[in-house]
PDB file of all heavy atoms in Angstrom:
ATOM      1  N   GLN A   1     -23.084  -1.392 -20.671  1.00  0.00           N
ATOM      2  CA  GLN A   1     -24.134  -1.729 -21.639  1.00  0.00           C
ATOM      3  C   GLN A   1     -23.731  -2.791 -22.613  1.00  0.00           C
ATOM      4  O   GLN A   1     -24.481  -3.097 -23.464  1.00  0.00           O
ATOM      5  CB  GLN A   1     -24.461  -0.397 -22.334  1.00  0.00           C
ATOM      6  CG  GLN A   1     -25.006   0.618 -21.488  1.00  0.00           C
ATOM      7  CD  GLN A   1     -25.182   2.090 -22.136  1.00  0.00           C
ATOM      8  OE1 GLN A   1     -25.025   2.208 -23.360  1.00  0.00           O
ATOM      9  NE2 GLN A   1     -25.492   3.031 -21.311  1.00  0.00           N
ATOM     10  N   GLY A   2     -22.456  -3.240 -22.584  1.00  0.00           N
ATOM     11  CA  GLY A   2     -22.062  -4.339 -23.441  1.00  0.00           C
ATOM     12  C   GLY A   2     -21.457  -3.829 -24.753  1.00  0.00           C
ATOM     13  O   GLY A   2     -21.351  -4.611 -25.711  1.00  0.00           O
ATOM     14  N   ILE A   3     -21.311  -2.530 -24.961  1.00  0.00           N
ATOM     15  CA  ILE A   3     -20.666  -2.033 -26.196  1.00  0.00           C
ATOM     16  C   ILE A   3     -19.346  -2.574 -26.385  1.00  0.00           C
ATOM     17  O   ILE A   3     -18.839  -2.955 -27.542  1.00  0.00           O
ATOM     18  CB  ILE A   3     -20.754  -0.477 -26.240  1.00  0.00           C
ATOM     19  CG1 ILE A   3     -22.174   0.040 -26.122  1.00  0.00           C
ATOM     20  CG2 ILE A   3     -20.029   0.080 -27.454  1.00  0.00           C
ATOM     21  CD1 ILE A   3     -22.235   1.475 -25.971  1.00  0.00           C
ATOM     22  N   VAL A   4     -18.596  -2.712 -25.293  1.00  0.00           N
ATOM     23  CA  VAL A   4     -17.304  -3.413 -25.220  1.00  0.00           C
ATOM     24  C   VAL A   4     -17.321  -4.450 -24.036  1.00  0.00           C
ATOM     25  O   VAL A   4     -18.202  -4.311 -23.172  1.00  0.00           O
ATOM     26  CB  VAL A   4     -16.125  -2.477 -25.086  1.00  0.00           C
ATOM     27  CG1 VAL A   4     -16.039  -1.499 -26.199  1.00  0.00           C
ATOM     28  CG2 VAL A   4     -16.278  -1.599 -23.772  1.00  0.00           C
ATOM     29  N   ASP A   5     -16.494  -5.305 -24.016  1.00  0.00           N
ATOM     30  CA  ASP A   5     -16.405  -6.285 -22.957  1.00  0.00           C
ATOM     31  C   ASP A   5     -15.556  -5.790 -21.769  1.00  0.00           C
ATOM     32  O   ASP A   5     -15.910  -5.980 -20.558  1.00  0.00           O
ATOM     33  CB  ASP A   5     -15.688  -7.610 -23.437  1.00  0.00           C
ATOM     34  CG  ASP A   5     -16.348  -8.164 -24.556  1.00  0.00           C
ATOM     35  OD1 ASP A   5     -17.529  -8.633 -24.421  1.00  0.00           O
ATOM     36  OD2 ASP A   5     -15.791  -8.184 -25.726  1.00  0.00           O
ATOM     37  N   LEU A   6     -14.543  -4.955 -22.024  1.00  0.00           N
ATOM     38  CA  LEU A   6     -13.639  -4.418 -21.029  1.00  0.00           C
ATOM     39  C   LEU A   6     -13.447  -2.921 -21.332  1.00  0.00           C
ATOM     40  O   LEU A   6     -13.275  -2.632 -22.578  1.00  0.00           O
ATOM     41  CB  LEU A   6     -12.328  -5.172 -21.017  1.00  0.00           C
ATOM     42  CG  LEU A   6     -12.347  -6.581 -20.507  1.00  0.00           C
ATOM     43  CD1 LEU A   6     -11.233  -7.345 -21.271  1.00  0.00           C
ATOM     44  CD2 LEU A   6     -12.145  -6.695 -19.013  1.00  0.00           C
ATOM     45  N   SER A   7     -13.297  -2.114 -20.347  1.00  0.00           N
ATOM     46  CA  SER A   7     -12.980  -0.749 -20.607  1.00  0.00           C
ATOM     47  C   SER A   7     -12.181  -0.177 -19.480  1.00  0.00           C
ATOM     48  O   SER A   7     -12.304  -0.529 -18.255  1.00  0.00           O
ATOM     49  CB  SER A   7     -14.260   0.201 -20.852  1.00  0.00           C
ATOM     50  OG  SER A   7     -15.041   0.265 -19.686  1.00  0.00           O
ATOM     51  N   TRP A   8     -11.335   0.826 -19.800  1.00  0.00           N
ATOM     52  CA  TRP A   8     -10.420   1.547 -18.762  1.00  0.00           C
ATOM     53  C   TRP A   8     -11.144   2.784 -18.487  1.00  0.00           C
ATOM     54  O   TRP A   8     -11.255   3.646 -19.391  1.00  0.00           O
ATOM     55  CB  TRP A   8      -9.058   1.627 -19.536  1.00  0.00           C
ATOM     56  CG  TRP A   8      -7.913   2.115 -18.668  1.00  0.00           C
ATOM     57  CD1 TRP A   8      -7.312   1.200 -17.713  1.00  0.00           C
ATOM     58  CD2 TRP A   8      -7.291   3.259 -18.673  1.00  0.00           C
ATOM     59  NE1 TRP A   8      -6.201   1.856 -17.187  1.00  0.00           N
ATOM     60  CE2 TRP A   8      -6.183   3.107 -17.751  1.00  0.00           C
ATOM     61  CE3 TRP A   8      -7.382   4.492 -19.272  1.00  0.00           C
ATOM     62  CZ2 TRP A   8      -5.249   4.189 -17.542  1.00  0.00           C
ATOM     63  CZ3 TRP A   8      -6.473   5.505 -19.044  1.00  0.00           C
ATOM     64  CH2 TRP A   8      -5.456   5.274 -18.079  1.00  0.00           C
ATOM     65  N   VAL A   9     -11.579   2.950 -17.250  1.00  0.00           N
ATOM     66  CA  VAL A   9     -12.392   4.100 -16.818  1.00  0.00           C
ATOM     67  C   VAL A   9     -11.714   4.992 -15.908  1.00  0.00           C
ATOM     68  O   VAL A   9     -11.004   4.550 -14.955  1.00  0.00           O
ATOM     69  CB  VAL A   9     -13.681   3.492 -16.182  1.00  0.00           C
ATOM     70  CG1 VAL A   9     -14.599   4.714 -15.696  1.00  0.00           C
ATOM     71  CG2 VAL A   9     -14.378   2.534 -17.115  1.00  0.00           C
ATOM     72  N   ASN A  10     -11.925   6.305 -16.115  1.00  0.00           N
ATOM     73  CA  ASN A  10     -11.487   7.338 -15.182  1.00  0.00           C
ATOM     74  C   ASN A  10     -12.816   7.816 -14.401  1.00  0.00           C
ATOM     75  O   ASN A  10     -13.582   8.601 -14.961  1.00  0.00           O
ATOM     76  CB  ASN A  10     -10.740   8.431 -15.757  1.00  0.00           C
ATOM     77  CG  ASN A  10     -10.210   9.399 -14.625  1.00  0.00           C
ATOM     78  OD1 ASN A  10     -10.817   9.519 -13.593  1.00  0.00           O
ATOM     79  ND2 ASN A  10      -9.230  10.213 -15.062  1.00  0.00           N
ATOM     80  N   PRO A  11     -13.101   7.215 -13.234  1.00  0.00           N
ATOM     81  CA  PRO A  11     -14.329   7.681 -12.518  1.00  0.00           C
ATOM     82  C   PRO A  11     -14.438   9.203 -12.351  1.00  0.00           C
ATOM     83  O   PRO A  11     -15.616   9.807 -12.210  1.00  0.00           O
ATOM     84  CB  PRO A  11     -14.356   6.907 -11.219  1.00  0.00           C
ATOM     85  CG  PRO A  11     -13.417   5.692 -11.549  1.00  0.00           C
ATOM     86  CD  PRO A  11     -12.370   6.277 -12.484  1.00  0.00           C
ATOM     87  N   GLY A  12     -13.307   9.892 -12.305  1.00  0.00           N
ATOM     88  CA  GLY A  12     -13.345  11.322 -12.024  1.00  0.00           C
ATOM     89  C   GLY A  12     -13.777  12.113 -13.194  1.00  0.00           C
ATOM     90  O   GLY A  12     -14.063  13.341 -13.093  1.00  0.00           O
ATOM     91  N   TYR A  13     -13.968  11.533 -14.382  1.00  0.00           N
ATOM     92  CA  TYR A  13     -14.509  12.123 -15.582  1.00  0.00           C
ATOM     93  C   TYR A  13     -15.993  12.231 -15.572  1.00  0.00           C
ATOM     94  O   TYR A  13     -16.581  12.961 -16.341  1.00  0.00           O
ATOM     95  CB  TYR A  13     -14.125  11.413 -16.843  1.00  0.00           C
ATOM     96  CG  TYR A  13     -12.581  11.662 -17.224  1.00  0.00           C
ATOM     97  CD1 TYR A  13     -12.090  11.049 -18.419  1.00  0.00           C
ATOM     98  CD2 TYR A  13     -11.792  12.490 -16.643  1.00  0.00           C
ATOM     99  CE1 TYR A  13     -10.771  11.203 -18.801  1.00  0.00           C
ATOM    100  CE2 TYR A  13     -10.462  12.750 -16.964  1.00  0.00           C
ATOM    101  CZ  TYR A  13      -9.960  12.017 -18.070  1.00  0.00           C
ATOM    102  OH  TYR A  13      -8.672  12.336 -18.487  1.00  0.00           O
ATOM    103  N   THR A  14     -16.606  11.574 -14.575  1.00  0.00           N
ATOM    104  CA  THR A  14     -18.111  11.730 -14.342  1.00  0.00           C
ATOM    105  C   THR A  14     -18.396  12.149 -13.062  1.00  0.00           C
ATOM    106  O   THR A  14     -18.751  11.379 -12.096  1.00  0.00           O
ATOM    107  CB  THR A  14     -18.837  10.428 -14.766  1.00  0.00           C
ATOM    108  OG1 THR A  14     -18.152   9.334 -14.022  1.00  0.00           O
ATOM    109  CG2 THR A  14     -18.726  10.072 -16.329  1.00  0.00           C
ATOM    110  N   ALA A  15     -18.186  13.446 -12.760  1.00  0.00           N
ATOM    111  CA  ALA A  15     -18.288  13.945 -11.399  1.00  0.00           C
ATOM    112  C   ALA A  15     -19.691  13.737 -10.697  1.00  0.00           C
ATOM    113  O   ALA A  15     -20.678  13.868 -11.404  1.00  0.00           O
ATOM    114  CB  ALA A  15     -18.135  15.539 -11.400  1.00  0.00           C
ATOM    115  N   GLY A  16     -19.513  13.211  -9.460  1.00  0.00           N
ATOM    116  CA  GLY A  16     -20.794  12.864  -8.690  1.00  0.00           C
ATOM    117  C   GLY A  16     -21.384  11.541  -8.914  1.00  0.00           C
ATOM    118  O   GLY A  16     -22.219  11.210  -8.081  1.00  0.00           O
ATOM    119  N   ARG A  17     -20.828  10.905  -9.867  1.00  0.00           N
ATOM    120  CA  ARG A  17     -21.476   9.503 -10.222  1.00  0.00           C
ATOM    121  C   ARG A  17     -21.008   8.309  -9.323  1.00  0.00           C
ATOM    122  O   ARG A  17     -21.807   7.553  -8.944  1.00  0.00           O
ATOM    123  CB  ARG A  17     -21.208   9.081 -11.662  1.00  0.00           C
ATOM    124  CG  ARG A  17     -22.040   7.847 -12.030  1.00  0.00           C
ATOM    125  CD  ARG A  17     -21.903   7.691 -13.473  1.00  0.00           C
ATOM    126  NE  ARG A  17     -22.622   6.454 -13.965  1.00  0.00           N
ATOM    127  CZ  ARG A  17     -22.663   5.979 -15.246  1.00  0.00           C
ATOM    128  NH1 ARG A  17     -22.035   6.598 -16.184  1.00  0.00           N
ATOM    129  NH2 ARG A  17     -23.326   4.934 -15.512  1.00  0.00           N
ATOM    130  N   PHE A  18     -19.736   8.506  -8.807  1.00  0.00           N
ATOM    131  CA  PHE A  18     -19.151   7.514  -7.969  1.00  0.00           C
ATOM    132  C   PHE A  18     -18.585   8.158  -6.731  1.00  0.00           C
ATOM    133  O   PHE A  18     -17.434   8.242  -6.526  1.00  0.00           O
ATOM    134  CB  PHE A  18     -18.075   6.733  -8.696  1.00  0.00           C
ATOM    135  CG  PHE A  18     -18.438   6.225 -10.042  1.00  0.00           C
ATOM    136  CD1 PHE A  18     -17.997   6.835 -11.266  1.00  0.00           C
ATOM    137  CD2 PHE A  18     -19.308   5.040 -10.120  1.00  0.00           C
ATOM    138  CE1 PHE A  18     -18.498   6.273 -12.453  1.00  0.00           C
ATOM    139  CE2 PHE A  18     -19.668   4.527 -11.317  1.00  0.00           C
ATOM    140  CZ  PHE A  18     -19.265   5.143 -12.490  1.00  0.00           C
ATOM    141  N   PRO A  19     -19.547   8.631  -5.814  1.00  0.00           N
ATOM    142  CA  PRO A  19     -19.065   9.391  -4.664  1.00  0.00           C
ATOM    143  C   PRO A  19     -18.167   8.677  -3.701  1.00  0.00           C
ATOM    144  O   PRO A  19     -17.169   9.235  -3.172  1.00  0.00           O
ATOM    145  CB  PRO A  19     -20.301   9.799  -3.908  1.00  0.00           C
ATOM    146  CG  PRO A  19     -21.377   8.863  -4.510  1.00  0.00           C
ATOM    147  CD  PRO A  19     -21.019   8.611  -5.856  1.00  0.00           C
ATOM    148  N   ILE A  20     -18.343   7.447  -3.435  1.00  0.00           N
ATOM    149  CA  ILE A  20     -17.397   6.546  -2.589  1.00  0.00           C
ATOM    150  C   ILE A  20     -16.105   6.469  -3.203  1.00  0.00           C
ATOM    151  O   ILE A  20     -14.999   6.840  -2.601  1.00  0.00           O
ATOM    152  CB  ILE A  20     -18.046   5.173  -2.371  1.00  0.00           C
ATOM    153  CG1 ILE A  20     -19.329   5.324  -1.495  1.00  0.00           C
ATOM    154  CG2 ILE A  20     -16.971   4.342  -1.529  1.00  0.00           C
ATOM    155  CD1 ILE A  20     -20.047   3.982  -1.374  1.00  0.00           C
ATOM    156  N   TYR A  21     -16.021   6.195  -4.459  1.00  0.00           N
ATOM    157  CA  TYR A  21     -14.641   6.055  -5.083  1.00  0.00           C
ATOM    158  C   TYR A  21     -13.876   7.268  -5.205  1.00  0.00           C
ATOM    159  O   TYR A  21     -12.739   7.304  -5.239  1.00  0.00           O
ATOM    160  CB  TYR A  21     -14.847   5.470  -6.540  1.00  0.00           C
ATOM    161  CG  TYR A  21     -13.515   5.062  -7.212  1.00  0.00           C
ATOM    162  CD1 TYR A  21     -13.003   3.801  -6.815  1.00  0.00           C
ATOM    163  CD2 TYR A  21     -12.819   5.921  -8.086  1.00  0.00           C
ATOM    164  CE1 TYR A  21     -11.848   3.391  -7.476  1.00  0.00           C
ATOM    165  CE2 TYR A  21     -11.621   5.500  -8.550  1.00  0.00           C
ATOM    166  CZ  TYR A  21     -11.174   4.270  -8.230  1.00  0.00           C
ATOM    167  OH  TYR A  21      -9.857   3.882  -8.813  1.00  0.00           O
ATOM    168  N   SER A  22     -14.630   8.433  -5.238  1.00  0.00           N
ATOM    169  CA  SER A  22     -13.940   9.704  -5.297  1.00  0.00           C
ATOM    170  C   SER A  22     -13.118  10.087  -4.113  1.00  0.00           C
ATOM    171  O   SER A  22     -12.328  11.012  -4.064  1.00  0.00           O
ATOM    172  CB  SER A  22     -14.967  10.802  -5.658  1.00  0.00           C
ATOM    173  OG  SER A  22     -15.913  11.017  -4.574  1.00  0.00           O
ATOM    174  N   ALA A  23     -13.185   9.259  -3.014  1.00  0.00           N
ATOM    175  CA  ALA A  23     -12.218   9.429  -1.879  1.00  0.00           C
ATOM    176  C   ALA A  23     -10.804   9.234  -2.432  1.00  0.00           C
ATOM    177  O   ALA A  23      -9.952   9.860  -1.844  1.00  0.00           O
ATOM    178  CB  ALA A  23     -12.563   8.547  -0.784  1.00  0.00           C
ATOM    179  N   THR A  24     -10.626   8.481  -3.450  1.00  0.00           N
ATOM    180  CA  THR A  24      -9.310   8.282  -3.923  1.00  0.00           C
ATOM    181  C   THR A  24      -8.684   9.443  -4.695  1.00  0.00           C
ATOM    182  O   THR A  24      -7.558   9.581  -4.879  1.00  0.00           O
ATOM    183  CB  THR A  24      -9.332   7.001  -5.037  1.00  0.00           C
ATOM    184  OG1 THR A  24     -10.065   7.483  -6.166  1.00  0.00           O
ATOM    185  CG2 THR A  24      -9.841   5.802  -4.478  1.00  0.00           C
ATOM    186  N   GLU A  25      -9.529  10.471  -4.989  1.00  0.00           N
ATOM    187  CA  GLU A  25      -9.187  11.632  -5.628  1.00  0.00           C
ATOM    188  C   GLU A  25      -8.751  12.868  -4.613  1.00  0.00           C
ATOM    189  O   GLU A  25      -8.252  13.752  -4.968  1.00  0.00           O
ATOM    190  CB  GLU A  25     -10.346  12.244  -6.491  1.00  0.00           C
ATOM    191  CG  GLU A  25     -10.771  11.318  -7.563  1.00  0.00           C
ATOM    192  CD  GLU A  25     -11.949  11.809  -8.326  1.00  0.00           C
ATOM    193  OE1 GLU A  25     -12.360  12.929  -8.095  1.00  0.00           O
ATOM    194  OE2 GLU A  25     -12.483  11.098  -9.180  1.00  0.00           O
ATOM    195  N   LEU A  26      -9.133  12.527  -3.305  1.00  0.00           N
ATOM    196  CA  LEU A  26      -8.811  13.504  -2.286  1.00  0.00           C
ATOM    197  C   LEU A  26      -7.295  13.815  -2.259  1.00  0.00           C
ATOM    198  O   LEU A  26      -6.540  12.815  -2.249  1.00  0.00           O
ATOM    199  CB  LEU A  26      -9.347  13.139  -0.895  1.00  0.00           C
ATOM    200  CG  LEU A  26     -10.819  13.040  -0.807  1.00  0.00           C
ATOM    201  CD1 LEU A  26     -11.173  12.421   0.620  1.00  0.00           C
ATOM    202  CD2 LEU A  26     -11.422  14.508  -0.903  1.00  0.00           C
ATOM    203  N   PRO A  27      -6.772  15.055  -2.172  1.00  0.00           N
ATOM    204  CA  PRO A  27      -5.361  15.254  -2.184  1.00  0.00           C
ATOM    205  C   PRO A  27      -4.694  14.900  -0.835  1.00  0.00           C
ATOM    206  O   PRO A  27      -5.343  14.828   0.136  1.00  0.00           O
ATOM    207  CB  PRO A  27      -5.288  16.786  -2.414  1.00  0.00           C
ATOM    208  CG  PRO A  27      -6.613  17.286  -2.053  1.00  0.00           C
ATOM    209  CD  PRO A  27      -7.603  16.267  -2.260  1.00  0.00           C
ATOM    210  N   PHE A  28      -3.432  14.623  -0.989  1.00  0.00           N
ATOM    211  CA  PHE A  28      -2.550  14.411   0.199  1.00  0.00           C
ATOM    212  C   PHE A  28      -2.950  13.091   1.042  1.00  0.00           C
ATOM    213  O   PHE A  28      -2.860  13.066   2.288  1.00  0.00           O
ATOM    214  CB  PHE A  28      -2.538  15.610   1.046  1.00  0.00           C
ATOM    215  CG  PHE A  28      -2.402  16.881   0.302  1.00  0.00           C
ATOM    216  CD1 PHE A  28      -3.356  17.997   0.470  1.00  0.00           C
ATOM    217  CD2 PHE A  28      -1.412  17.123  -0.539  1.00  0.00           C
ATOM    218  CE1 PHE A  28      -3.321  19.104  -0.209  1.00  0.00           C
ATOM    219  CE2 PHE A  28      -1.307  18.283  -1.376  1.00  0.00           C
ATOM    220  CZ  PHE A  28      -2.280  19.248  -1.189  1.00  0.00           C
ATOM    221  N   MET A  29      -3.522  12.098   0.295  1.00  0.00           N
ATOM    222  CA  MET A  29      -3.875  10.852   1.067  1.00  0.00           C
ATOM    223  C   MET A  29      -2.818   9.766   0.847  1.00  0.00           C
ATOM    224  O   MET A  29      -2.585   9.086   1.758  1.00  0.00           O
ATOM    225  CB  MET A  29      -5.172  10.418   0.445  1.00  0.00           C
ATOM    226  CG  MET A  29      -6.471  11.314   0.715  1.00  0.00           C
ATOM    227  SD  MET A  29      -6.888  11.330   2.469  1.00  0.00           S
ATOM    228  CE  MET A  29      -7.651   9.736   2.714  1.00  0.00           C
ATOM    229  N   SER A  30      -2.188   9.698  -0.332  1.00  0.00           N
ATOM    230  CA  SER A  30      -1.282   8.632  -0.549  1.00  0.00           C
ATOM    231  C   SER A  30       0.022   9.158  -1.231  1.00  0.00           C
ATOM    232  O   SER A  30      -0.071  10.088  -1.996  1.00  0.00           O
ATOM    233  CB  SER A  30      -1.919   7.541  -1.413  1.00  0.00           C
ATOM    234  OG  SER A  30      -1.011   6.543  -1.774  1.00  0.00           O
ATOM    235  N   ASP A  31       1.088   8.468  -0.905  1.00  0.00           N
ATOM    236  CA  ASP A  31       2.475   8.884  -1.456  1.00  0.00           C
ATOM    237  C   ASP A  31       2.998   7.654  -2.229  1.00  0.00           C
ATOM    238  O   ASP A  31       4.180   7.792  -2.673  1.00  0.00           O
ATOM    239  CB  ASP A  31       3.444   9.331  -0.436  1.00  0.00           C
ATOM    240  CG  ASP A  31       3.682   8.313   0.592  1.00  0.00           C
ATOM    241  OD1 ASP A  31       3.255   7.090   0.507  1.00  0.00           O
ATOM    242  OD2 ASP A  31       4.568   8.593   1.516  1.00  0.00           O
ATOM    243  N   ASP A  32       2.164   6.690  -2.520  1.00  0.00           N
ATOM    244  CA  ASP A  32       2.736   5.513  -3.242  1.00  0.00           C
ATOM    245  C   ASP A  32       1.677   4.932  -4.067  1.00  0.00           C
ATOM    246  O   ASP A  32       0.687   4.372  -3.552  1.00  0.00           O
ATOM    247  CB  ASP A  32       3.283   4.541  -2.221  1.00  0.00           C
ATOM    248  CG  ASP A  32       3.879   3.274  -2.877  1.00  0.00           C
ATOM    249  OD1 ASP A  32       3.582   2.877  -3.974  1.00  0.00           O
ATOM    250  OD2 ASP A  32       4.683   2.530  -2.165  1.00  0.00           O
ATOM    251  N   ASN A  33       1.828   4.964  -5.395  1.00  0.00           N
ATOM    252  CA  ASN A  33       0.653   4.478  -6.174  1.00  0.00           C
ATOM    253  C   ASN A  33       0.655   2.940  -6.291  1.00  0.00           C
ATOM    254  O   ASN A  33      -0.392   2.369  -6.480  1.00  0.00           O
ATOM    255  CB  ASN A  33       0.723   5.034  -7.584  1.00  0.00           C
ATOM    256  CG  ASN A  33       1.767   4.516  -8.556  1.00  0.00           C
ATOM    257  OD1 ASN A  33       2.986   4.520  -8.131  1.00  0.00           O
ATOM    258  ND2 ASN A  33       1.401   4.014  -9.637  1.00  0.00           N
ATOM    259  N   VAL A  34       1.741   2.283  -6.238  1.00  0.00           N
ATOM    260  CA  VAL A  34       1.799   0.859  -6.409  1.00  0.00           C
ATOM    261  C   VAL A  34       1.115   0.198  -5.212  1.00  0.00           C
ATOM    262  O   VAL A  34       0.021  -0.559  -5.326  1.00  0.00           O
ATOM    263  CB  VAL A  34       3.217   0.338  -6.520  1.00  0.00           C
ATOM    264  CG1 VAL A  34       3.248  -1.180  -6.637  1.00  0.00           C
ATOM    265  CG2 VAL A  34       3.853   0.975  -7.791  1.00  0.00           C
ATOM    266  N   ASN A  35       1.514   0.476  -4.010  1.00  0.00           N
ATOM    267  CA  ASN A  35       0.784  -0.063  -2.772  1.00  0.00           C
ATOM    268  C   ASN A  35      -0.484   0.569  -2.570  1.00  0.00           C
ATOM    269  O   ASN A  35      -1.426   0.058  -2.035  1.00  0.00           O
ATOM    270  CB  ASN A  35       1.719   0.088  -1.572  1.00  0.00           C
ATOM    271  CG  ASN A  35       2.918  -0.823  -1.615  1.00  0.00           C
ATOM    272  OD1 ASN A  35       2.776  -1.938  -2.099  1.00  0.00           O
ATOM    273  ND2 ASN A  35       3.973  -0.441  -1.054  1.00  0.00           N
ATOM    274  N   GLY A  36      -0.572   1.890  -3.098  1.00  0.00           N
ATOM    275  CA  GLY A  36      -1.864   2.676  -2.942  1.00  0.00           C
ATOM    276  C   GLY A  36      -2.897   2.048  -3.722  1.00  0.00           C
ATOM    277  O   GLY A  36      -4.125   2.003  -3.323  1.00  0.00           O
ATOM    278  N   THR A  37      -2.668   1.480  -4.899  1.00  0.00           N
ATOM    279  CA  THR A  37      -3.732   0.891  -5.825  1.00  0.00           C
ATOM    280  C   THR A  37      -4.131  -0.373  -5.234  1.00  0.00           C
ATOM    281  O   THR A  37      -5.310  -0.865  -5.276  1.00  0.00           O
ATOM    282  CB  THR A  37      -3.270   0.721  -7.210  1.00  0.00           C
ATOM    283  OG1 THR A  37      -2.029   0.111  -7.277  1.00  0.00           O
ATOM    284  CG2 THR A  37      -3.177   1.980  -7.931  1.00  0.00           C
TER     285      THR A  37
END
């Protein structure tokens, strides 16, 4: 909405809003956050 220019968002804080992205929340998928991101 332009209240800020940039924001740091946790999509998991709004359950159901970003269903595709929530695949990243599934447990036991990745063991490395640097390459994982």
